[in-house]
PDB file of N, CA and C in Angstrom:
ATOM      1  N   VAL A   1       0.971  -1.151  -0.030  1.00  0.00           N
ATOM      2  CA  VAL A   1       0.059   0.192   0.006  1.00  0.00           C
ATOM      3  C   VAL A   1       0.942   1.078  -0.287  1.00  0.00           C
ATOM      4  N   THR A   2       0.468   1.895  -0.947  1.00  0.00           N
ATOM      5  CA  THR A   2       1.564   3.441  -1.253  1.00  0.00           C
ATOM      6  C   THR A   2       0.634   4.408  -0.297  1.00  0.00           C
ATOM      7  N   GLY A   3       2.026   5.140   0.185  1.00  0.00           N
ATOM      8  CA  GLY A   3       2.170   5.851   1.431  1.00  0.00           C
ATOM      9  C   GLY A   3       0.895   5.875   2.405  1.00  0.00           C
ATOM     10  N   VAL A   4       1.371   4.285   3.403  1.00  0.00           N
ATOM     11  CA  VAL A   4       0.223   4.430   4.188  1.00  0.00           C
ATOM     12  C   VAL A   4       1.731   3.932   5.487  1.00  0.00           C
ATOM     13  N   GLN A   5       1.977   4.654   5.977  1.00  0.00           N
ATOM     14  CA  GLN A   5       3.197   4.030   7.149  1.00  0.00           C
ATOM     15  C   GLN A   5       2.526   3.275   7.982  1.00  0.00           C
ATOM     16  N   THR A   6       3.278   2.205   8.839  1.00  0.00           N
ATOM     17  CA  THR A   6       3.085   0.840   9.227  1.00  0.00           C
ATOM     18  C   THR A   6       4.227   1.097  10.685  1.00  0.00           C
ATOM     19  N   CYS A   7       3.379   0.686  11.904  1.00  0.00           N
ATOM     20  CA  CYS A   7       4.643   0.848  12.323  1.00  0.00           C
ATOM     21  C   CYS A   7       3.899  -0.364  13.650  1.00  0.00           C
ATOM     22  N   ALA A   8       5.167  -1.275  13.761  1.00  0.00           N
ATOM     23  CA  ALA A   8       4.678  -2.708  14.445  1.00  0.00           C
ATOM     24  C   ALA A   8       4.849  -2.587  15.839  1.00  0.00           C
ATOM     25  N   LEU A   9       5.315  -1.497  16.689  1.00  0.00           N
ATOM     26  CA  LEU A   9       6.037  -0.901  18.070  1.00  0.00           C
ATOM     27  C   LEU A   9       5.027   0.149  18.826  1.00  0.00           C
ATOM     28  N   PRO A  10       5.072   0.286  19.684  1.00  0.00           N
ATOM     29  CA  PRO A  10       4.213   1.495  20.016  1.00  0.00           C
ATOM     30  C   PRO A  10       4.704   2.748  19.911  1.00  0.00           C
ATOM     31  N   ILE A  11       6.150   2.808  19.647  1.00  0.00           N
ATOM     32  CA  ILE A  11       6.478   4.266  18.750  1.00  0.00           C
ATOM     33  C   ILE A  11       7.057   4.235  17.800  1.00  0.00           C
ATOM     34  N   CYS A  12       6.331   5.717  16.849  1.00  0.00           N
ATOM     35  CA  CYS A  12       6.667   5.075  15.723  1.00  0.00           C
ATOM     36  C   CYS A  12       7.285   6.817  15.459  1.00  0.00           C
ATOM     37  N   LEU A  13       8.775   6.562  15.019  1.00  0.00           N
ATOM     38  CA  LEU A  13       9.335   7.676  14.716  1.00  0.00           C
ATOM     39  C   LEU A  13       9.525   7.522  12.520  1.00  0.00           C
ATOM     40  N   ASN A  14       9.251   9.095  12.710  1.00  0.00           N
ATOM     41  CA  ASN A  14       9.126   8.967  10.613  1.00  0.00           C
ATOM     42  C   ASN A  14      10.710   8.415  10.090  1.00  0.00           C
ATOM     43  N   SER A  15      11.506   8.963  10.707  1.00  0.00           N
ATOM     44  CA  SER A  15      13.194   9.052  10.232  1.00  0.00           C
ATOM     45  C   SER A  15      13.703   7.581  10.908  1.00  0.00           C
ATOM     46  N   GLN A  16      13.898   6.576  10.129  1.00  0.00           N
ATOM     47  CA  GLN A  16      14.492   5.488  10.034  1.00  0.00           C
ATOM     48  C   GLN A  16      15.588   5.688  10.964  1.00  0.00           C
ATOM     49  N   ALA A  17      16.822   6.133  10.404  1.00  0.00           N
ATOM     50  CA  ALA A  17      18.310   6.830  11.074  1.00  0.00           C
ATOM     51  C   ALA A  17      17.931   7.151  12.806  1.00  0.00           C
ATOM     52  N   VAL A  18      16.759   8.045  12.591  1.00  0.00           N
ATOM     53  CA  VAL A  18      16.693   8.469  14.458  1.00  0.00           C
ATOM     54  C   VAL A  18      15.633   7.017  15.107  1.00  0.00           C
ATOM     55  N   ALA A  19      15.459   6.487  14.301  1.00  0.00           N
ATOM     56  CA  ALA A  19      14.811   5.445  15.326  1.00  0.00           C
ATOM     57  C   ALA A  19      15.784   4.353  15.644  1.00  0.00           C
ATOM     58  N   GLU A  20      16.550   4.266  14.792  1.00  0.00           N
ATOM     59  CA  GLU A  20      17.688   3.368  14.930  1.00  0.00           C
ATOM     60  C   GLU A  20      18.600   3.594  16.232  1.00  0.00           C
ATOM     61  N   GLU A  21      19.202   4.959  15.898  1.00  0.00           N
ATOM     62  CA  GLU A  21      19.546   5.486  17.188  1.00  0.00           C
ATOM     63  C   GLU A  21      19.074   5.535  18.587  1.00  0.00           C
ATOM     64  N   ILE A  22      17.967   5.944  18.552  1.00  0.00           N
ATOM     65  CA  ILE A  22      17.149   5.731  19.796  1.00  0.00           C
ATOM     66  C   ILE A  22      16.649   4.175  20.135  1.00  0.00           C
ATOM     67  N   PHE A  23      16.802   2.954  19.401  1.00  0.00           N
ATOM     68  CA  PHE A  23      16.898   1.692  19.758  1.00  0.00           C
ATOM     69  C   PHE A  23      18.293   1.618  20.422  1.00  0.00           C
ATOM     70  N   ASP A  24      19.380   1.943  19.735  1.00  0.00           N
ATOM     71  CA  ASP A  24      20.923   1.638  19.728  1.00  0.00           C
ATOM     72  C   ASP A  24      20.831   1.692  21.285  1.00  0.00           C
ATOM     73  N   THR A  25      20.668   3.405  21.219  1.00  0.00           N
ATOM     74  CA  THR A  25      20.540   4.102  22.602  1.00  0.00           C
ATOM     75  C   THR A  25      19.781   3.045  23.961  1.00  0.00           C
ATOM     76  N   ALA A  26      18.911   2.902  23.677  1.00  0.00           N
ATOM     77  CA  ALA A  26      18.086   2.083  24.666  1.00  0.00           C
ATOM     78  C   ALA A  26      18.611   0.609  24.871  1.00  0.00           C
ATOM     79  N   ILE A  27      19.096  -0.025  24.044  1.00  0.00           N
ATOM     80  CA  ILE A  27      19.635  -1.121  23.899  1.00  0.00           C
ATOM     81  C   ILE A  27      20.817  -1.018  25.061  1.00  0.00           C
ATOM     82  N   ASN A  28      22.046  -0.043  25.002  1.00  0.00           N
ATOM     83  CA  ASN A  28      23.161   0.155  25.800  1.00  0.00           C
ATOM     84  C   ASN A  28      22.927   1.079  27.117  1.00  0.00           C
ATOM     85  N   MET A  29      21.721   1.976  26.798  1.00  0.00           N
ATOM     86  CA  MET A  29      21.955   2.608  28.042  1.00  0.00           C
ATOM     87  C   MET A  29      20.184   2.438  28.908  1.00  0.00           C
ATOM     88  N   GLY A  30      19.472   1.771  28.378  1.00  0.00           N
ATOM     89  CA  GLY A  30      17.825   1.962  29.036  1.00  0.00           C
ATOM     90  C   GLY A  30      17.062   2.804  27.976  1.00  0.00           C
ATOM     91  N   TRP A  31      15.759   2.430  28.184  1.00  0.00           N
ATOM     92  CA  TRP A  31      14.431   3.347  27.406  1.00  0.00           C
ATOM     93  C   TRP A  31      14.827   4.059  27.878  1.00  0.00           C
ATOM     94  N   PRO A  32      14.579   4.553  29.411  1.00  0.00           N
ATOM     95  CA  PRO A  32      14.226   5.762  30.079  1.00  0.00           C
ATOM     96  C   PRO A  32      15.222   6.928  29.596  1.00  0.00           C
ATOM     97  N   ASP A  33      16.714   6.645  29.332  1.00  0.00           N
ATOM     98  CA  ASP A  33      17.935   7.235  29.008  1.00  0.00           C
ATOM     99  C   ASP A  33      17.798   7.779  27.374  1.00  0.00           C
ATOM    100  N   ALA A  34      17.345   6.342  26.866  1.00  0.00           N
ATOM    101  CA  ALA A  34      17.416   6.772  25.615  1.00  0.00           C
ATOM    102  C   ALA A  34      15.940   7.907  25.237  1.00  0.00           C
ATOM    103  N   GLY A  35      15.218   8.243  26.223  1.00  0.00           N
ATOM    104  CA  GLY A  35      13.650   8.773  25.640  1.00  0.00           C
ATOM    105  C   GLY A  35      14.099   9.905  25.924  1.00  0.00           C
ATOM    106  N   LYS A  36      15.326  10.189  27.443  1.00  0.00           N
ATOM    107  CA  LYS A  36      15.472  11.768  28.110  1.00  0.00           C
ATOM    108  C   LYS A  36      16.364  11.893  26.506  1.00  0.00           C
ATOM    109  N   MET A  37      17.151  11.575  26.202  1.00  0.00           N
ATOM    110  CA  MET A  37      18.153  11.904  25.254  1.00  0.00           C
ATOM    111  C   MET A  37      17.355  12.922  24.154  1.00  0.00           C
ATOM    112  N   LEU A  38      16.212  11.745  23.306  1.00  0.00           N
ATOM    113  CA  LEU A  38      15.542  12.345  22.322  1.00  0.00           C
ATOM    114  C   LEU A  38      15.049  13.803  23.154  1.00  0.00           C
ATOM    115  N   GLN A  39      14.171  13.681  24.302  1.00  0.00           N
ATOM    116  CA  GLN A  39      13.758  14.612  24.289  1.00  0.00           C
ATOM    117  C   GLN A  39      14.661  16.400  24.558  1.00  0.00           C
ATOM    118  N   LYS A  40      15.746  16.034  25.104  1.00  0.00           N
ATOM    119  CA  LYS A  40      16.676  17.033  25.654  1.00  0.00           C
ATOM    120  C   LYS A  40      17.007  17.595  24.367  1.00  0.00           C
ATOM    121  N   SER A  41      17.460  16.502  23.248  1.00  0.00           N
ATOM    122  CA  SER A  41      17.722  16.573  22.111  1.00  0.00           C
ATOM    123  C   SER A  41      16.955  17.730  20.946  1.00  0.00           C
ATOM    124  N   LEU A  42      15.098  17.964  21.496  1.00  0.00           N
ATOM    125  CA  LEU A  42      14.300  18.320  20.793  1.00  0.00           C
ATOM    126  C   LEU A  42      14.182  19.330  21.573  1.00  0.00           C
ATOM    127  N   ASN A  43      14.641  19.543  22.624  1.00  0.00           N
ATOM    128  CA  ASN A  43      14.131  21.041  23.659  1.00  0.00           C
ATOM    129  C   ASN A  43      15.388  21.997  23.206  1.00  0.00           C
ATOM    130  N   ILE A  44      16.350  21.416  23.088  1.00  0.00           N
ATOM    131  CA  ILE A  44      17.902  22.072  22.477  1.00  0.00           C
ATOM    132  C   ILE A  44      17.897  22.774  21.136  1.00  0.00           C
ATOM    133  N   LEU A  45      17.244  21.704  20.529  1.00  0.00           N
ATOM    134  CA  LEU A  45      16.948  22.511  19.054  1.00  0.00           C
ATOM    135  C   LEU A  45      16.026  23.262  18.064  1.00  0.00           C
ATOM    136  N   SER A  46      14.911  23.141  19.562  1.00  0.00           N
ATOM    137  CA  SER A  46      13.391  24.245  18.722  1.00  0.00           C
ATOM    138  C   SER A  46      12.922  24.576  19.692  1.00  0.00           C
ATOM    139  N   ASP A  47      12.282  25.421  19.762  1.00  0.00           N
ATOM    140  CA  ASP A  47      11.548  26.115  21.004  1.00  0.00           C
ATOM    141  C   ASP A  47      10.531  25.035  22.264  1.00  0.00           C
ATOM    142  N   ASN A  48      10.363  24.369  21.617  1.00  0.00           N
ATOM    143  CA  ASN A  48       9.617  23.400  22.242  1.00  0.00           C
ATOM    144  C   ASN A  48       9.863  23.034  23.863  1.00  0.00           C
ATOM    145  N   GLN A  49       9.185  22.962  24.843  1.00  0.00           N
ATOM    146  CA  GLN A  49       9.551  22.559  26.400  1.00  0.00           C
ATOM    147  C   GLN A  49       9.177  21.716  26.757  1.00  0.00           C
ATOM    148  N   LEU A  50       9.794  19.926  25.917  1.00  0.00           N
ATOM    149  CA  LEU A  50       9.394  18.576  26.873  1.00  0.00           C
ATOM    150  C   LEU A  50       9.483  18.705  28.071  1.00  0.00           C
ATOM    151  N   VAL A  51       8.885  17.924  28.879  1.00  0.00           N
ATOM    152  CA  VAL A  51       9.156  17.799  30.153  1.00  0.00           C
ATOM    153  C   VAL A  51      10.133  16.347  29.725  1.00  0.00           C
ATOM    154  N   ILE A  52      11.464  16.277  30.366  1.00  0.00           N
ATOM    155  CA  ILE A  52      12.153  15.386  30.396  1.00  0.00           C
ATOM    156  C   ILE A  52      11.817  13.819  31.099  1.00  0.00           C
ATOM    157  N   ASP A  53      10.870  13.092  30.933  1.00  0.00           N
ATOM    158  CA  ASP A  53      10.815  12.018  31.451  1.00  0.00           C
ATOM    159  C   ASP A  53      11.258  10.458  31.090  1.00  0.00           C
ATOM    160  N   GLY A  54      11.604  10.967  29.766  1.00  0.00           N
ATOM    161  CA  GLY A  54      12.146   9.484  29.362  1.00  0.00           C
ATOM    162  C   GLY A  54      10.960   8.805  28.386  1.00  0.00           C
ATOM    163  N   LEU A  55      10.022   9.429  28.654  1.00  0.00           N
ATOM    164  CA  LEU A  55       8.704   8.849  27.849  1.00  0.00           C
ATOM    165  C   LEU A  55       8.379   9.082  26.303  1.00  0.00           C
ATOM    166  N   LEU A  56       8.305   7.850  25.370  1.00  0.00           N
ATOM    167  CA  LEU A  56       8.595   8.396  24.191  1.00  0.00           C
ATOM    168  C   LEU A  56       7.202   8.010  23.704  1.00  0.00           C
ATOM    169  N   GLY A  57       5.931   9.229  24.814  1.00  0.00           N
ATOM    170  CA  GLY A  57       4.763   9.622  24.630  1.00  0.00           C
ATOM    171  C   GLY A  57       4.239  10.184  23.057  1.00  0.00           C
ATOM    172  N   PRO A  58       2.861  10.581  22.210  1.00  0.00           N
ATOM    173  CA  PRO A  58       2.424  11.297  21.866  1.00  0.00           C
ATOM    174  C   PRO A  58       3.014  12.805  21.234  1.00  0.00           C
ATOM    175  N   LYS A  59       3.434  13.489  22.100  1.00  0.00           N
ATOM    176  CA  LYS A  59       3.924  14.632  22.057  1.00  0.00           C
ATOM    177  C   LYS A  59       5.505  14.589  21.891  1.00  0.00           C
ATOM    178  N   THR A  60       6.192  14.190  22.574  1.00  0.00           N
ATOM    179  CA  THR A  60       7.966  13.567  22.245  1.00  0.00           C
ATOM    180  C   THR A  60       7.898  13.493  20.792  1.00  0.00           C
ATOM    181  N   LEU A  61       6.519  12.333  20.222  1.00  0.00           N
ATOM    182  CA  LEU A  61       6.956  11.484  19.001  1.00  0.00           C
ATOM    183  C   LEU A  61       6.462  12.619  17.657  1.00  0.00           C
ATOM    184  N   ALA A  62       5.975  13.421  18.169  1.00  0.00           N
ATOM    185  CA  ALA A  62       5.160  14.274  17.311  1.00  0.00           C
ATOM    186  C   ALA A  62       6.076  15.646  16.999  1.00  0.00           C
ATOM    187  N   ILE A  63       7.005  15.836  18.223  1.00  0.00           N
ATOM    188  CA  ILE A  63       7.439  16.971  18.042  1.00  0.00           C
ATOM    189  C   ILE A  63       8.975  16.312  16.977  1.00  0.00           C
ATOM    190  N   ALA A  64       9.192  15.321  17.192  1.00  0.00           N
ATOM    191  CA  ALA A  64      10.710  14.473  16.571  1.00  0.00           C
ATOM    192  C   ALA A  64       9.804  14.107  14.970  1.00  0.00           C
ATOM    193  N   ASN A  65       8.459  13.706  15.047  1.00  0.00           N
ATOM    194  CA  ASN A  65       8.311  13.740  13.192  1.00  0.00           C
ATOM    195  C   ASN A  65       8.380  14.787  12.522  1.00  0.00           C
ATOM    196  N   ASN A  66       8.441  15.747  13.299  1.00  0.00           N
ATOM    197  CA  ASN A  66       8.107  17.314  12.670  1.00  0.00           C
ATOM    198  C   ASN A  66       9.351  18.302  12.501  1.00  0.00           C
ATOM    199  N   TYR A  67      10.341  17.600  13.255  1.00  0.00           N
ATOM    200  CA  TYR A  67      11.487  18.221  13.427  1.00  0.00           C
ATOM    201  C   TYR A  67      12.330  18.131  11.993  1.00  0.00           C
ATOM    202  N   SER A  68      12.838  19.384  11.205  1.00  0.00           N
ATOM    203  CA  SER A  68      13.143  19.575  10.122  1.00  0.00           C
ATOM    204  C   SER A  68      14.405  18.942   9.516  1.00  0.00           C
ATOM    205  N   SER A  69      15.301  18.499  10.875  1.00  0.00           N
ATOM    206  CA  SER A  69      16.613  18.356  10.343  1.00  0.00           C
ATOM    207  C   SER A  69      17.259  17.138  10.978  1.00  0.00           C
ATOM    208  N   GLU A  70      17.107  15.667   9.986  1.00  0.00           N
ATOM    209  CA  GLU A  70      17.513  14.778  10.841  1.00  0.00           C
ATOM    210  C   GLU A  70      18.941  14.922  11.544  1.00  0.00           C
ATOM    211  N   LYS A  71      19.732  15.373  10.621  1.00  0.00           N
ATOM    212  CA  LYS A  71      21.090  15.140  10.720  1.00  0.00           C
ATOM    213  C   LYS A  71      21.323  16.312  12.179  1.00  0.00           C
ATOM    214  N   ALA A  72      20.777  16.893  12.370  1.00  0.00           N
ATOM    215  CA  ALA A  72      21.176  17.859  13.563  1.00  0.00           C
ATOM    216  C   ALA A  72      20.625  17.210  15.252  1.00  0.00           C
ATOM    217  N   LEU A  73      19.799  16.384  14.717  1.00  0.00           N
ATOM    218  CA  LEU A  73      18.861  15.223  15.866  1.00  0.00           C
ATOM    219  C   LEU A  73      20.075  14.609  15.913  1.00  0.00           C
ATOM    220  N   LEU A  74      20.469  13.760  15.057  1.00  0.00           N
ATOM    221  CA  LEU A  74      20.842  12.698  15.473  1.00  0.00           C
ATOM    222  C   LEU A  74      22.110  12.938  15.946  1.00  0.00           C
ATOM    223  N   ILE A  75      22.729  14.103  15.337  1.00  0.00           N
ATOM    224  CA  ILE A  75      24.138  14.675  16.070  1.00  0.00           C
ATOM    225  C   ILE A  75      24.254  15.259  17.389  1.00  0.00           C
ATOM    226  N   ALA A  76      22.800  15.736  17.996  1.00  0.00           N
ATOM    227  CA  ALA A  76      22.116  15.885  19.217  1.00  0.00           C
ATOM    228  C   ALA A  76      22.514  14.453  20.269  1.00  0.00           C
ATOM    229  N   LEU A  77      21.689  13.604  19.631  1.00  0.00           N
ATOM    230  CA  LEU A  77      21.402  12.357  20.448  1.00  0.00           C
ATOM    231  C   LEU A  77      23.418  11.632  20.563  1.00  0.00           C
ATOM    232  N   ASN A  78      23.383  11.871  19.523  1.00  0.00           N
ATOM    233  CA  ASN A  78      25.314  11.362  20.088  1.00  0.00           C
ATOM    234  C   ASN A  78      25.735  12.056  21.108  1.00  0.00           C
ATOM    235  N   GLY A  79      25.923  13.527  21.348  1.00  0.00           N
ATOM    236  CA  GLY A  79      26.410  14.197  21.906  1.00  0.00           C
ATOM    237  C   GLY A  79      25.945  14.014  23.383  1.00  0.00           C
ATOM    238  N   TYR A  80      24.685  13.835  23.583  1.00  0.00           N
ATOM    239  CA  TYR A  80      24.187  13.407  24.665  1.00  0.00           C
ATOM    240  C   TYR A  80      24.911  12.345  25.028  1.00  0.00           C
ATOM    241  N   GLN A  81      24.580  10.961  23.758  1.00  0.00           N
ATOM    242  CA  GLN A  81      25.462   9.673  24.692  1.00  0.00           C
ATOM    243  C   GLN A  81      27.070  10.136  25.139  1.00  0.00           C
ATOM    244  N   PHE A  82      27.511  10.220  24.301  1.00  0.00           N
ATOM    245  CA  PHE A  82      28.743  11.026  24.721  1.00  0.00           C
ATOM    246  C   PHE A  82      29.127  11.376  26.133  1.00  0.00           C
ATOM    247  N   ILE A  83      28.409  12.802  26.125  1.00  0.00           N
ATOM    248  CA  ILE A  83      28.195  13.013  28.005  1.00  0.00           C
ATOM    249  C   ILE A  83      28.119  11.739  28.838  1.00  0.00           C
ATOM    250  N   VAL A  84      27.223  10.741  28.627  1.00  0.00           N
ATOM    251  CA  VAL A  84      27.190   9.920  29.150  1.00  0.00           C
ATOM    252  C   VAL A  84      28.541   8.548  29.672  1.00  0.00           C
ATOM    253  N   TYR A  85      28.812   8.753  28.431  1.00  0.00           N
ATOM    254  CA  TYR A  85      30.033   7.808  28.523  1.00  0.00           C
ATOM    255  C   TYR A  85      31.091   8.718  28.976  1.00  0.00           C
ATOM    256  N   GLU A  86      31.327  10.017  28.926  1.00  0.00           N
ATOM    257  CA  GLU A  86      32.761  10.569  29.350  1.00  0.00           C
ATOM    258  C   GLU A  86      32.344  10.621  30.752  1.00  0.00           C
ATOM    259  N   GLU A  87      31.496  11.381  31.275  1.00  0.00           N
ATOM    260  CA  GLU A  87      30.806  10.786  32.928  1.00  0.00           C
ATOM    261  C   GLU A  87      31.481   9.224  33.265  1.00  0.00           C
ATOM    262  N   GLN A  88      31.411   8.234  33.069  1.00  0.00           N
ATOM    263  CA  GLN A  88      31.366   6.789  33.243  1.00  0.00           C
ATOM    264  C   GLN A  88      32.225   6.926  33.019  1.00  0.00           C
ATOM    265  N   ALA A  89      33.276   6.858  31.947  1.00  0.00           N
ATOM    266  CA  ALA A  89      35.191   6.876  32.352  1.00  0.00           C
ATOM    267  C   ALA A  89      35.896   8.003  32.960  1.00  0.00           C
ATOM    268  N   ARG A  90      35.258   8.888  33.194  1.00  0.00           N
ATOM    269  CA  ARG A  90      35.617   9.896  34.377  1.00  0.00           C
ATOM    270  C   ARG A  90      36.016   9.569  35.836  1.00  0.00           C
ATOM    271  N   THR A  91      34.314   9.331  35.775  1.00  0.00           N
ATOM    272  CA  THR A  91      34.196   8.598  37.381  1.00  0.00           C
ATOM    273  C   THR A  91      34.706   7.359  37.648  1.00  0.00           C
ATOM    274  N   ASP A  92      34.611   6.590  36.886  1.00  0.00           N
ATOM    275  CA  ASP A  92      34.714   5.101  37.052  1.00  0.00           C
ATOM    276  C   ASP A  92      36.117   4.875  35.935  1.00  0.00           C
ATOM    277  N   PRO A  93      37.237   5.040  36.797  1.00  0.00           N
ATOM    278  CA  PRO A  93      38.536   4.544  36.161  1.00  0.00           C
ATOM    279  C   PRO A  93      38.575   2.937  35.222  1.00  0.00           C
ATOM    280  N   ASN A  94      38.196   1.902  35.973  1.00  0.00           N
ATOM    281  CA  ASN A  94      38.009   0.614  35.336  1.00  0.00           C
ATOM    282  C   ASN A  94      36.948   1.189  34.017  1.00  0.00           C
ATOM    283  N   GLN A  95      36.040   1.998  33.691  1.00  0.00           N
ATOM    284  CA  GLN A  95      35.720   2.069  32.405  1.00  0.00           C
ATOM    285  C   GLN A  95      36.118   2.975  31.440  1.00  0.00           C
ATOM    286  N   LYS A  96      37.415   3.261  31.685  1.00  0.00           N
ATOM    287  CA  LYS A  96      37.682   4.576  30.751  1.00  0.00           C
ATOM    288  C   LYS A  96      38.536   3.525  29.843  1.00  0.00           C
ATOM    289  N   ARG A  97      39.113   2.601  29.715  1.00  0.00           N
ATOM    290  CA  ARG A  97      39.319   1.754  29.057  1.00  0.00           C
ATOM    291  C   ARG A  97      38.454   1.568  27.723  1.00  0.00           C
ATOM    292  N   PHE A  98      37.121   1.567  28.010  1.00  0.00           N
ATOM    293  CA  PHE A  98      36.044   1.322  26.758  1.00  0.00           C
ATOM    294  C   PHE A  98      35.703   2.402  25.947  1.00  0.00           C
ATOM    295  N   ILE A  99      36.161   3.824  26.703  1.00  0.00           N
ATOM    296  CA  ILE A  99      35.571   5.073  26.102  1.00  0.00           C
ATOM    297  C   ILE A  99      36.330   4.883  24.503  1.00  0.00           C
ATOM    298  N   LYS A 100      37.220   4.494  23.817  1.00  0.00           N
ATOM    299  CA  LYS A 100      37.134   4.656  22.531  1.00  0.00           C
ATOM    300  C   LYS A 100      36.695   4.082  21.708  1.00  0.00           C
ATOM    301  N   GLY A 101      36.563   2.808  22.340  1.00  0.00           N
ATOM    302  CA  GLY A 101      35.258   2.026  21.820  1.00  0.00           C
ATOM    303  C   GLY A 101      33.917   2.038  21.939  1.00  0.00           C
ATOM    304  N   TRP A 102      33.567   3.022  22.505  1.00  0.00           N
ATOM    305  CA  TRP A 102      31.814   3.915  22.784  1.00  0.00           C
ATOM    306  C   TRP A 102      31.800   4.853  21.968  1.00  0.00           C
ATOM    307  N   LEU A 103      33.342   5.479  21.771  1.00  0.00           N
ATOM    308  CA  LEU A 103      32.565   6.390  20.723  1.00  0.00           C
ATOM    309  C   LEU A 103      32.703   5.851  19.150  1.00  0.00           C
ATOM    310  N   LEU A 104      33.523   5.051  18.903  1.00  0.00           N
ATOM    311  CA  LEU A 104      33.724   4.063  17.572  1.00  0.00           C
ATOM    312  C   LEU A 104      32.465   3.316  17.411  1.00  0.00           C
ATOM    313  N   ASN A 105      31.743   3.501  18.219  1.00  0.00           N
ATOM    314  CA  ASN A 105      31.165   1.970  18.005  1.00  0.00           C
ATOM    315  C   ASN A 105      29.218   2.279  18.479  1.00  0.00           C
ATOM    316  N   ARG A 106      29.254   3.267  19.356  1.00  0.00           N
ATOM    317  CA  ARG A 106      28.161   3.812  19.626  1.00  0.00           C
ATOM    318  C   ARG A 106      27.648   5.248  20.033  1.00  0.00           C
ATOM    319  N   VAL A 107      28.473   5.746  19.430  1.00  0.00           N
ATOM    320  CA  VAL A 107      28.024   6.889  19.481  1.00  0.00           C
ATOM    321  C   VAL A 107      28.293   7.527  18.075  1.00  0.00           C
ATOM    322  N   GLY A 108      28.890   6.844  17.145  1.00  0.00           N
ATOM    323  CA  GLY A 108      28.864   7.110  15.837  1.00  0.00           C
ATOM    324  C   GLY A 108      29.422   8.006  15.231  1.00  0.00           C
ATOM    325  N   LEU A 109      30.320   9.264  15.867  1.00  0.00           N
ATOM    326  CA  LEU A 109      30.852  10.355  14.958  1.00  0.00           C
ATOM    327  C   LEU A 109      32.023   9.364  14.645  1.00  0.00           C
ATOM    328  N   GLY A 110      32.728   8.195  15.181  1.00  0.00           N
ATOM    329  CA  GLY A 110      33.797   7.735  14.642  1.00  0.00           C
ATOM    330  C   GLY A 110      33.973   7.805  13.108  1.00  0.00           C
ATOM    331  N   ASN A 111      34.940   7.065  12.597  1.00  0.00           N
ATOM    332  CA  ASN A 111      34.843   6.741  11.245  1.00  0.00           C
ATOM    333  C   ASN A 111      35.927   5.631  11.098  1.00  0.00           C
ATOM    334  N   ASP A 112      36.090   4.864   9.657  1.00  0.00           N
ATOM    335  CA  ASP A 112      36.308   3.736   9.884  1.00  0.00           C
ATOM    336  C   ASP A 112      37.224   3.343   9.697  1.00  0.00           C
ATOM    337  N   ASN A 113      38.783   4.480   9.766  1.00  0.00           N
ATOM    338  CA  ASN A 113      39.700   4.555  10.295  1.00  0.00           C
ATOM    339  C   ASN A 113      40.301   4.146  11.365  1.00  0.00           C
ATOM    340  N   GLU A 114      40.600   3.404  11.878  1.00  0.00           N
ATOM    341  CA  GLU A 114      41.153   2.960  13.969  1.00  0.00           C
ATOM    342  C   GLU A 114      42.261   3.725  13.681  1.00  0.00           C
ATOM    343  N   ASP A 115      42.822   4.541  14.905  1.00  0.00           N
ATOM    344  CA  ASP A 115      43.934   4.069  15.179  1.00  0.00           C
ATOM    345  C   ASP A 115      44.530   4.035  15.400  1.00  0.00           C
TER     346      ASP A 115
END
């Protein structure tokens, strides 16, 4: 069927890339943190002031689906993810050894050229 969006999950995002980023973040950090990162990103990128509760409800999804720049939203999401990983590495010396892998594999701002 042409022009009909289907969604098998209770959350539907129009952007596949944003949906994948939220899903990946939720797997690694939990759904509440992923939801909070999306809400913070939308608040900083627009005039909306979503409550930062981590719930991906209809208001959060509507604002995400109407936001004009997928790239800016993805960069903001990755930025908030970096902040969490940086704090983990800074506050727990045992976690510091994982920071490079987190940056290259989870944050998504790395490139294919390994140092």
